[in-house]
C-alpha atoms as a PDB file:
ATOM      1  CA  MET A   1      10.394 -20.727   4.390  1.00  0.00           C
ATOM      2  CA  THR A   2      11.224 -19.382   7.636  1.00  0.00           C
ATOM      3  CA  ILE A   3      13.391 -16.633   8.507  1.00  0.00           C
ATOM      4  CA  ASP A   4      16.767 -17.703   9.920  1.00  0.00           C
ATOM      5  CA  GLU A   5      18.106 -16.737  13.547  1.00  0.00           C
ATOM      6  CA  GLN A   6      19.925 -13.870  12.528  1.00  0.00           C
ATOM      7  CA  GLY A   7      16.992 -12.718  10.801  1.00  0.00           C
ATOM      8  CA  ALA A   8      18.691 -12.042   7.764  1.00  0.00           C
ATOM      9  CA  ALA A   9      16.840 -11.265   4.535  1.00  0.00           C
ATOM     10  CA  ARG A  10      15.492 -14.806   2.344  1.00  0.00           C
ATOM     11  CA  VAL A  11      15.163 -14.852  -1.460  1.00  0.00           C
ATOM     12  CA  GLN A  12      13.805 -17.791  -2.975  1.00  0.00           C
ATOM     13  CA  ASP A  13      16.338 -18.239  -5.955  1.00  0.00           C
ATOM     14  CA  SER A  14      13.500 -17.506  -8.600  1.00  0.00           C
ATOM     15  CA  ALA A  15      12.998 -14.127  -7.474  1.00  0.00           C
ATOM     16  CA  ASP A  16      15.011 -11.126  -9.338  1.00  0.00           C
ATOM     17  CA  VAL A  17      16.445  -8.982  -6.858  1.00  0.00           C
ATOM     18  CA  ASP A  18      18.495  -6.161  -8.105  1.00  0.00           C
ATOM     19  CA  ASP A  19      22.460  -6.100  -6.406  1.00  0.00           C
ATOM     20  CA  ARG A  20      21.422  -2.545  -6.293  1.00  0.00           C
ATOM     21  CA  ALA A  21      18.190  -3.053  -4.109  1.00  0.00           C
ATOM     22  CA  THR A  22      17.963  -2.684  -0.458  1.00  0.00           C
ATOM     23  CA  ILE A  23      16.143  -5.361   1.524  1.00  0.00           C
ATOM     24  CA  GLY A  24      15.971  -5.299   5.355  1.00  0.00           C
ATOM     25  CA  ALA A  25      16.563  -8.142   7.840  1.00  0.00           C
ATOM     26  CA  GLY A  26      13.820 -10.757   7.802  1.00  0.00           C
ATOM     27  CA  THR A  27      11.893  -9.877   5.057  1.00  0.00           C
ATOM     28  CA  THR A  28      11.044 -12.500   2.389  1.00  0.00           C
ATOM     29  CA  ILE A  29      11.292 -12.249  -1.172  1.00  0.00           C
ATOM     30  CA  TRP A  30       9.082 -14.897  -3.106  1.00  0.00           C
ATOM     31  CA  HIS A  31       8.979 -17.006  -6.439  1.00  0.00           C
ATOM     32  CA  LEU A  32       9.409 -15.232  -9.303  1.00  0.00           C
ATOM     33  CA  ALA A  33       8.642 -11.402  -7.599  1.00  0.00           C
ATOM     34  CA  GLN A  34      10.941  -8.952  -9.281  1.00  0.00           C
ATOM     35  CA  VAL A  35      12.697  -6.613  -6.761  1.00  0.00           C
ATOM     36  CA  ARG A  36      14.670  -3.507  -9.470  1.00  0.00           C
ATOM     37  CA  GLU A  37      17.238  -0.934  -8.681  1.00  0.00           C
ATOM     38  CA  ASP A  38      17.292   1.327  -5.991  1.00  0.00           C
ATOM     39  CA  ALA A  39      14.324   0.018  -4.735  1.00  0.00           C
ATOM     40  CA  VAL A  40      14.458  -0.209  -0.636  1.00  0.00           C
ATOM     41  CA  VAL A  41      12.581  -2.769   1.057  1.00  0.00           C
ATOM     42  CA  GLY A  42      12.084  -2.619   4.778  1.00  0.00           C
ATOM     43  CA  SER A  43      12.488  -5.092   7.854  1.00  0.00           C
ATOM     44  CA  GLY A  44       9.748  -7.707   8.668  1.00  0.00           C
ATOM     45  CA  CYS A  45       8.337  -7.617   5.258  1.00  0.00           C
ATOM     46  CA  ILE A  46       6.490 -10.000   2.694  1.00  0.00           C
ATOM     47  CA  VAL A  47       6.826  -9.896  -0.701  1.00  0.00           C
ATOM     48  CA  GLY A  48       4.916 -12.663  -2.482  1.00  0.00           C
ATOM     49  CA  ARG A  49       5.186 -14.641  -5.501  1.00  0.00           C
ATOM     50  CA  GLY A  50       5.043 -12.494  -8.983  1.00  0.00           C
ATOM     51  CA  ALA A  51       4.665  -9.260  -7.074  1.00  0.00           C
ATOM     52  CA  TYR A  52       6.520  -6.287  -8.937  1.00  0.00           C
ATOM     53  CA  VAL A  53       8.624  -3.404  -7.190  1.00  0.00           C
ATOM     54  CA  GLY A  54       9.699  -0.517  -9.604  1.00  0.00           C
ATOM     55  CA  PRO A  55      12.974   1.264  -9.130  1.00  0.00           C
ATOM     56  CA  GLY A  56      13.486   3.373  -6.665  1.00  0.00           C
ATOM     57  CA  VAL A  57      10.004   1.989  -4.661  1.00  0.00           C
ATOM     58  CA  ARG A  58      10.531   2.861  -0.845  1.00  0.00           C
ATOM     59  CA  LEU A  59       8.327  -0.033   1.585  1.00  0.00           C
ATOM     60  CA  GLY A  60       8.370   0.315   5.378  1.00  0.00           C
ATOM     61  CA  ASP A  61       8.635  -1.992   7.985  1.00  0.00           C
ATOM     62  CA  GLY A  62       6.569  -5.014   7.966  1.00  0.00           C
ATOM     63  CA  CYS A  63       4.611  -4.275   4.859  1.00  0.00           C
ATOM     64  CA  LYS A  64       3.028  -7.242   2.915  1.00  0.00           C
ATOM     65  CA  LEU A  65       2.815  -7.079  -0.739  1.00  0.00           C
ATOM     66  CA  GLN A  66       0.527 -10.452  -2.066  1.00  0.00           C
ATOM     67  CA  ASN A  67       0.846 -12.396  -4.688  1.00  0.00           C
ATOM     68  CA  TYR A  68       1.063 -10.776  -8.090  1.00  0.00           C
ATOM     69  CA  ALA A  69       1.129  -7.194  -6.571  1.00  0.00           C
ATOM     70  CA  LEU A  70       2.464  -3.995  -8.905  1.00  0.00           C
ATOM     71  CA  VAL A  71       4.235  -1.278  -7.147  1.00  0.00           C
ATOM     72  CA  TYR A  72       5.264   0.727  -9.767  1.00  0.00           C
ATOM     73  CA  GLU A  73       7.696   4.053  -9.108  1.00  0.00           C
ATOM     74  CA  PRO A  74       8.038   5.772  -7.589  1.00  0.00           C
ATOM     75  CA  ALA A  75       5.429   4.744  -4.995  1.00  0.00           C
ATOM     76  CA  VAL A  76       6.600   5.177  -0.995  1.00  0.00           C
ATOM     77  CA  LEU A  77       4.262   2.427   1.393  1.00  0.00           C
ATOM     78  CA  GLU A  78       4.791   3.484   5.075  1.00  0.00           C
ATOM     79  CA  ASP A  79       5.127   0.785   7.701  1.00  0.00           C
ATOM     80  CA  GLY A  80       3.099  -2.060   8.191  1.00  0.00           C
ATOM     81  CA  VAL A  81       1.290  -1.377   4.457  1.00  0.00           C
ATOM     82  CA  PHE A  82      -0.845  -4.545   3.258  1.00  0.00           C
ATOM     83  CA  VAL A  83      -1.219  -4.526  -0.898  1.00  0.00           C
ATOM     84  CA  GLY A  84      -3.744  -7.640  -2.043  1.00  0.00           C
ATOM     85  CA  PRO A  85      -3.269 -10.009  -4.890  1.00  0.00           C
ATOM     86  CA  ALA A  86      -3.023  -8.888  -8.133  1.00  0.00           C
ATOM     87  CA  ALA A  87      -3.464  -5.257  -6.884  1.00  0.00           C
ATOM     88  CA  VAL A  88      -1.777  -2.292  -8.882  1.00  0.00           C
ATOM     89  CA  LEU A  89       0.062   1.013  -8.223  1.00  0.00           C
ATOM     90  CA  THR A  90      -0.050   3.195 -11.076  1.00  0.00           C
ATOM     91  CA  ASN A  91       2.648   5.685 -11.850  1.00  0.00           C
ATOM     92  CA  ASP A  92       1.129   7.391 -15.004  1.00  0.00           C
ATOM     93  CA  LEU A  93      -1.417   9.952 -15.264  1.00  0.00           C
ATOM     94  CA  TYR A  94      -2.107  10.379 -19.190  1.00  0.00           C
ATOM     95  CA  PRO A  95      -0.113   6.915 -20.536  1.00  0.00           C
ATOM     96  CA  ARG A  96       0.718   6.860 -24.105  1.00  0.00           C
ATOM     97  CA  ALA A  97       3.181   4.258 -25.690  1.00  0.00           C
ATOM     98  CA  VAL A  98       3.836   6.634 -28.285  1.00  0.00           C
ATOM     99  CA  THR A  99       4.047  10.728 -28.792  1.00  0.00           C
ATOM    100  CA  PRO A 100       1.798  12.529 -30.681  1.00  0.00           C
ATOM    101  CA  ASP A 101       3.960  12.150 -34.048  1.00  0.00           C
ATOM    102  CA  GLY A 102       3.621   8.294 -33.434  1.00  0.00           C
ATOM    103  CA  THR A 103       7.060   8.048 -32.138  1.00  0.00           C
ATOM    104  CA  VAL A 104       7.817   5.043 -29.324  1.00  0.00           C
ATOM    105  CA  LYS A 105       8.188   6.690 -26.041  1.00  0.00           C
ATOM    106  CA  THR A 106      11.082   6.151 -24.271  1.00  0.00           C
ATOM    107  CA  GLY A 107      11.619   7.207 -20.404  1.00  0.00           C
ATOM    108  CA  ASP A 108      12.376  11.032 -21.564  1.00  0.00           C
ATOM    109  CA  ASP A 109       8.972  11.603 -22.807  1.00  0.00           C
ATOM    110  CA  TRP A 110       7.309  11.315 -19.834  1.00  0.00           C
ATOM    111  CA  GLN A 111       6.996  12.110 -15.961  1.00  0.00           C
ATOM    112  CA  ALA A 112       6.207   9.612 -13.634  1.00  0.00           C
ATOM    113  CA  VAL A 113       3.865  10.012 -10.635  1.00  0.00           C
ATOM    114  CA  GLY A 114       3.415   7.887  -7.422  1.00  0.00           C
ATOM    115  CA  VAL A 115       1.231   6.512  -4.903  1.00  0.00           C
ATOM    116  CA  THR A 116       1.433   7.141  -1.071  1.00  0.00           C
ATOM    117  CA  ILE A 117       0.169   4.675   1.433  1.00  0.00           C
ATOM    118  CA  ARG A 118       0.401   5.672   5.009  1.00  0.00           C
ATOM    119  CA  THR A 119       0.945   3.789   7.909  1.00  0.00           C
ATOM    120  CA  GLY A 120      -1.263   0.748   8.028  1.00  0.00           C
ATOM    121  CA  ALA A 121      -3.443   0.691   5.354  1.00  0.00           C
ATOM    122  CA  ALA A 122      -4.892  -1.391   3.179  1.00  0.00           C
ATOM    123  CA  ILE A 123      -5.062  -1.939  -0.470  1.00  0.00           C
ATOM    124  CA  GLY A 124      -7.866  -4.869  -1.327  1.00  0.00           C
ATOM    125  CA  ALA A 125      -7.133  -7.470  -4.224  1.00  0.00           C
ATOM    126  CA  ARG A 126      -7.475  -6.049  -7.888  1.00  0.00           C
ATOM    127  CA  ALA A 127      -7.829  -2.833  -6.608  1.00  0.00           C
ATOM    128  CA  VAL A 128      -6.483  -0.120  -8.788  1.00  0.00           C
ATOM    129  CA  CYS A 129      -4.902   3.006  -7.068  1.00  0.00           C
ATOM    130  CA  VAL A 130      -4.112   5.651 -10.173  1.00  0.00           C
ATOM    131  CA  ALA A 131      -1.690   8.165  -9.496  1.00  0.00           C
ATOM    132  CA  PRO A 132      -0.852  10.374  -7.869  1.00  0.00           C
ATOM    133  CA  VAL A 133      -2.846   9.528  -5.159  1.00  0.00           C
ATOM    134  CA  THR A 134      -2.373   9.134  -1.044  1.00  0.00           C
ATOM    135  CA  ILE A 135      -4.222   6.380   1.165  1.00  0.00           C
ATOM    136  CA  GLY A 136      -4.334   7.579   4.621  1.00  0.00           C
ATOM    137  CA  ARG A 137      -3.328   5.846   7.325  1.00  0.00           C
ATOM    138  CA  TRP A 138      -4.854   2.693   8.394  1.00  0.00           C
ATOM    139  CA  ALA A 139      -7.633   3.456   5.628  1.00  0.00           C
ATOM    140  CA  THR A 140      -9.047   0.322   3.793  1.00  0.00           C
ATOM    141  CA  VAL A 141      -9.499   0.331   0.384  1.00  0.00           C
ATOM    142  CA  ALA A 142     -11.689  -2.517  -0.853  1.00  0.00           C
ATOM    143  CA  ALA A 143     -11.287  -5.338  -3.171  1.00  0.00           C
ATOM    144  CA  GLY A 144     -11.721  -3.976  -7.071  1.00  0.00           C
ATOM    145  CA  ALA A 145     -12.231  -0.294  -5.847  1.00  0.00           C
ATOM    146  CA  VAL A 146     -10.450   1.955  -8.322  1.00  0.00           C
ATOM    147  CA  VAL A 147      -8.917   4.814  -6.453  1.00  0.00           C
ATOM    148  CA  THR A 148      -9.029   8.712  -8.418  1.00  0.00           C
ATOM    149  CA  ALA A 149      -8.595  10.766  -5.109  1.00  0.00           C
ATOM    150  CA  ASP A 150      -7.206  10.597  -1.753  1.00  0.00           C
ATOM    151  CA  VAL A 151      -8.450   8.591   0.792  1.00  0.00           C
ATOM    152  CA  PRO A 152      -8.290   9.814   4.260  1.00  0.00           C
ATOM    153  CA  ASP A 153      -6.847   8.430   6.939  1.00  0.00           C
ATOM    154  CA  PHE A 154      -9.608   5.547   8.314  1.00  0.00           C
ATOM    155  CA  ALA A 155     -11.651   5.307   5.636  1.00  0.00           C
ATOM    156  CA  LEU A 156     -12.788   2.532   4.063  1.00  0.00           C
ATOM    157  CA  VAL A 157     -13.547   3.112   0.328  1.00  0.00           C
ATOM    158  CA  ALA A 158     -15.247   0.974  -2.301  1.00  0.00           C
ATOM    159  CA  GLY A 159     -16.515   0.991  -6.033  1.00  0.00           C
ATOM    160  CA  VAL A 160     -15.487   2.828  -9.408  1.00  0.00           C
ATOM    161  CA  PRO A 161     -14.422   5.662  -8.467  1.00  0.00           C
ATOM    162  CA  ALA A 162     -13.878   4.706  -4.992  1.00  0.00           C
ATOM    163  CA  ARG A 163     -16.334   6.326  -2.762  1.00  0.00           C
ATOM    164  CA  ARG A 164     -16.107   6.224   1.213  1.00  0.00           C
ATOM    165  CA  ILE A 165     -18.413   3.844   2.687  1.00  0.00           C
ATOM    166  CA  ARG A 166     -17.519   3.520   6.061  1.00  0.00           C
ATOM    167  CA  TRP A 167     -14.690   4.510   8.605  1.00  0.00           C
ATOM    168  CA  VAL A 168     -12.847   1.856   9.874  1.00  0.00           C
ATOM    169  CA  GLY A 169     -10.620   1.300  13.184  1.00  0.00           C
ATOM    170  CA  ARG A 170      -6.654  -0.291  13.271  1.00  0.00           C
ATOM    171  CA  ALA A 171      -7.951  -3.555  13.624  1.00  0.00           C
ATOM    172  CA  GLY A 172     -10.030  -3.187  10.027  1.00  0.00           C
ATOM    173  CA  VAL A 173     -13.040  -3.548  11.212  1.00  0.00           C
ATOM    174  CA  PRO A 174     -16.022  -0.652  10.318  1.00  0.00           C
ATOM    175  CA  LEU A 175     -16.486   1.534  13.235  1.00  0.00           C
ATOM    176  CA  GLU A 176     -19.820   1.882  15.506  1.00  0.00           C
ATOM    177  CA  ARG A 177     -21.112   4.976  15.757  1.00  0.00           C
ATOM    178  CA  THR A 178     -21.603   6.113  19.458  1.00  0.00           C
ATOM    179  CA  THR A 179     -22.526   9.795  19.178  1.00  0.00           C
ATOM    180  CA  GLY A 180     -23.576  11.889  16.257  1.00  0.00           C
ATOM    181  CA  ASP A 181     -19.608  13.049  15.992  1.00  0.00           C
ATOM    182  CA  GLY A 182     -18.661   9.717  17.819  1.00  0.00           C
ATOM    183  CA  TRP A 183     -17.271   6.801  16.819  1.00  0.00           C
ATOM    184  CA  ARG A 184     -15.369   3.490  18.367  1.00  0.00           C
ATOM    185  CA  CYS A 185     -13.743   0.579  17.453  1.00  0.00           C
ATOM    186  CA  PRO A 186     -15.200  -2.597  18.717  1.00  0.00           C
ATOM    187  CA  VAL A 187     -12.171  -4.570  18.636  1.00  0.00           C
ATOM    188  CA  THR A 188      -9.848  -1.866  20.061  1.00  0.00           C
ATOM    189  CA  GLY A 189     -11.919   0.492  22.243  1.00  0.00           C
ATOM    190  CA  ASP A 190     -10.321   3.355  20.052  1.00  0.00           C
ATOM    191  CA  GLU A 191     -13.022   6.225  19.778  1.00  0.00           C
ATOM    192  CA  PHE A 192     -13.065   9.200  17.760  1.00  0.00           C
ATOM    193  CA  THR A 193     -14.663  11.992  16.572  1.00  0.00           C
ATOM    194  CA  GLU A 194     -15.513  12.919  13.196  1.00  0.00           C
ATOM    195  CA  THR A 195     -15.234  16.541  11.997  1.00  0.00           C
ATOM    196  CA  ASP A 196     -16.310  18.019   8.598  1.00  0.00           C
ATOM    197  CA  GLY A 197     -15.557  14.500   6.885  1.00  0.00           C
ATOM    198  CA  VAL A 198     -12.319  14.297   8.614  1.00  0.00           C
ATOM    199  CA  LEU A 199     -11.827  11.623  11.761  1.00  0.00           C
ATOM    200  CA  HIS A 200      -9.853  12.254  14.513  1.00  0.00           C
ATOM    201  CA  GLU A 201      -8.596   9.230  17.497  1.00  0.00           C
ATOM    202  CA  THR A 202      -9.440  10.586  20.937  1.00  0.00           C
ATOM    203  CA  SER A 203      -8.959   8.125  22.802  1.00  0.00           C
ATOM    204  CA  SER A 204      -6.586   4.895  22.861  1.00  0.00           C
ATOM    205  CA  ASN A 205      -5.970   1.463  23.418  1.00  0.00           C
ATOM    206  CA  ALA A 206      -1.970   1.106  24.014  1.00  0.00           C
ATOM    207  CA  SER A 207      -2.554  -2.888  24.197  1.00  0.00           C
ATOM    208  CA  PHE A 208      -3.504  -2.856  20.396  1.00  0.00           C
ATOM    209  CA  ARG A 209      -0.412  -1.405  18.990  1.00  0.00           C
ATOM    210  CA  ARG A 210       2.262  -2.780  16.642  1.00  0.00           C
END
């Protein structure tokens, strides 16, 4: 499917998009995807086959949800976020189908908590982000990781539970150490300084910006 000349959103016939959802210009909703009521999907997004966007979820511009990604409310994804195939953003810290007395739970019996993903971050295939957590700007969650704590900007995390194993730049490529606390992206040339486990940009190459 191609986006029409006016940049209108395109929705496959088999997709289920609630009339109360807001879909931005140039966004494509693929086969069997579901976008629930009051969800907002920004401009230029791709929602893959079988993906799920829960009620009230917010996606910024240029996001990509790959096939069968599950994004449960009240998740917030900023601009340029990538969510890999079959990744899950949860919303229930203490999940139960029934209350302690055995009564089937309803929506009034629990409070949804969300995952927040900052600009440019990427979630690998089959990763799970256990709400409530925040994934920092341009961070990367490796395939199959289980995130149970906040992820710093530019961090690459992997494992169960996920731990930081490297730093990455905006291109997603691991950074190279230049000095004791200095780092550089081999693709963009951006430079960073690490202080107390936090990475700060010290210079950037504007030609690589979106």
